Amino acid sequence: FSMIIIWSKDNCPNCEKAIQLAKRYDIMHEVRKIGHGWTKDQLLEYIPTARSVPQIIDSNTNAVIGGLHNFQEYLTSDQRS
């Protein structure tokens, strides 16, 4: 993928871990922080089933990767192109 979107919020340790993973793997990313120009409703428009953050999306395909643990699995699997 060329870029991911990380939905996050303030005081979210797993959100910070997801952002650090994206940096470590040199993945271009956009952080959409709820309460900083983005709303929970906007997150739910993208991912109606979201119940927590971070929520990570492959912006190329709009495929939902999921939360931090899903992202960690995604990075270490063969799903990356």
Protein backbone atom coordinates (compact mmCIF):
# COMPACT_ATOMS: atom_id res chain seq x y z
CA PHE A 1 0.00 0.00 0.00
CA SER A 2 1.11 3.52 -0.55
CA MET A 3 -0.50 5.16 2.45
CA ILE A 4 -2.55 4.38 5.52
CA ILE A 5 -4.95 6.44 7.57
CA ILE A 6 -4.72 6.12 11.35
CA TRP A 7 -7.78 7.29 13.26
CA SER A 8 -6.72 8.24 16.77
CA LYS A 9 -7.53 10.41 19.76
CA ASP A 10 -5.67 12.15 22.58
CA ASN A 11 -4.24 10.07 25.43
CA CYS A 12 -4.39 6.83 23.46
CA PRO A 13 -1.25 4.70 23.97
CA ASN A 14 -2.23 2.23 21.24
CA CYS A 15 -2.75 5.10 18.80
CA GLU A 16 0.78 6.31 19.50
CA LYS A 17 2.13 2.76 19.06
CA ALA A 18 0.37 2.48 15.69
CA ILE A 19 1.87 5.80 14.55
CA GLN A 20 5.33 4.69 15.70
CA LEU A 21 4.95 1.38 13.82
CA ALA A 22 4.04 3.25 10.64
CA LYS A 23 7.16 5.38 11.05
CA ARG A 24 9.36 2.36 11.84
CA TYR A 25 8.16 0.53 8.73
CA ASP A 26 8.50 3.76 6.71
CA ILE A 27 4.83 3.75 5.74
CA MET A 28 3.31 7.01 4.62
CA HIS A 29 0.42 7.80 6.92
CA GLU A 30 -2.16 10.39 7.74
CA VAL A 31 -3.28 10.72 11.35
CA ARG A 32 -6.92 11.72 11.79
CA LYS A 33 -7.25 12.68 15.43
CA ILE A 34 -10.79 12.87 16.79
CA GLY A 35 -11.32 16.29 18.36
CA HIS A 36 -8.63 17.85 16.14
CA GLY A 37 -10.50 18.54 12.92
CA TRP A 38 -12.13 15.10 12.84
CA THR A 39 -15.19 13.75 14.63
CA LYS A 40 -16.28 10.36 15.90
CA ASP A 41 -19.16 10.57 13.42
CA GLN A 42 -16.67 10.91 10.54
CA LEU A 43 -14.82 7.83 11.79
CA LEU A 44 -18.10 5.92 11.91
CA GLU A 45 -18.86 7.00 8.33
CA TYR A 46 -15.66 5.22 7.27
CA ILE A 47 -15.92 2.31 9.70
CA PRO A 48 -19.48 1.86 10.99
CA THR A 49 -18.38 -0.98 13.29
CA ALA A 50 -15.56 0.98 14.97
CA ARG A 51 -15.79 0.81 18.76
CA SER A 52 -12.27 1.94 19.63
CA VAL A 53 -9.20 3.64 18.24
CA PRO A 54 -6.80 3.33 16.63
CA GLN A 55 -8.55 2.28 13.46
CA ILE A 56 -6.22 1.83 10.51
CA ILE A 57 -7.28 1.96 6.87
CA ASP A 58 -5.31 1.22 3.70
CA SER A 59 -6.10 4.44 1.85
CA ASN A 60 -5.32 2.85 -1.53
CA THR A 61 -8.11 0.30 -1.31
CA ASN A 62 -10.12 1.75 1.62
CA ALA A 63 -9.71 -1.68 3.22
CA VAL A 64 -10.01 -1.61 6.98
CA ILE A 65 -6.91 -3.11 8.57
CA GLY A 66 -8.33 -2.71 12.07
CA GLY A 67 -6.80 -1.81 15.42
CA LEU A 68 -3.24 -1.95 16.70
CA HIS A 69 -3.03 -5.74 16.99
CA ASN A 70 -4.49 -6.19 13.49
CA PHE A 71 -1.93 -3.68 12.19
CA GLN A 72 0.94 -5.53 13.89
CA GLU A 73 -0.22 -8.80 12.32
CA TYR A 74 -0.67 -7.09 8.96
CA LEU A 75 2.89 -5.73 9.02
CA THR A 76 4.43 -9.11 9.81
CA SER A 77 2.28 -11.10 7.36
CA ASP A 78 2.57 -11.50 3.62
CA GLN A 79 -0.40 -9.19 3.00
CA ARG A 80 1.84 -6.18 2.39
CA SER A 81 2.50 -5.46 -1.25
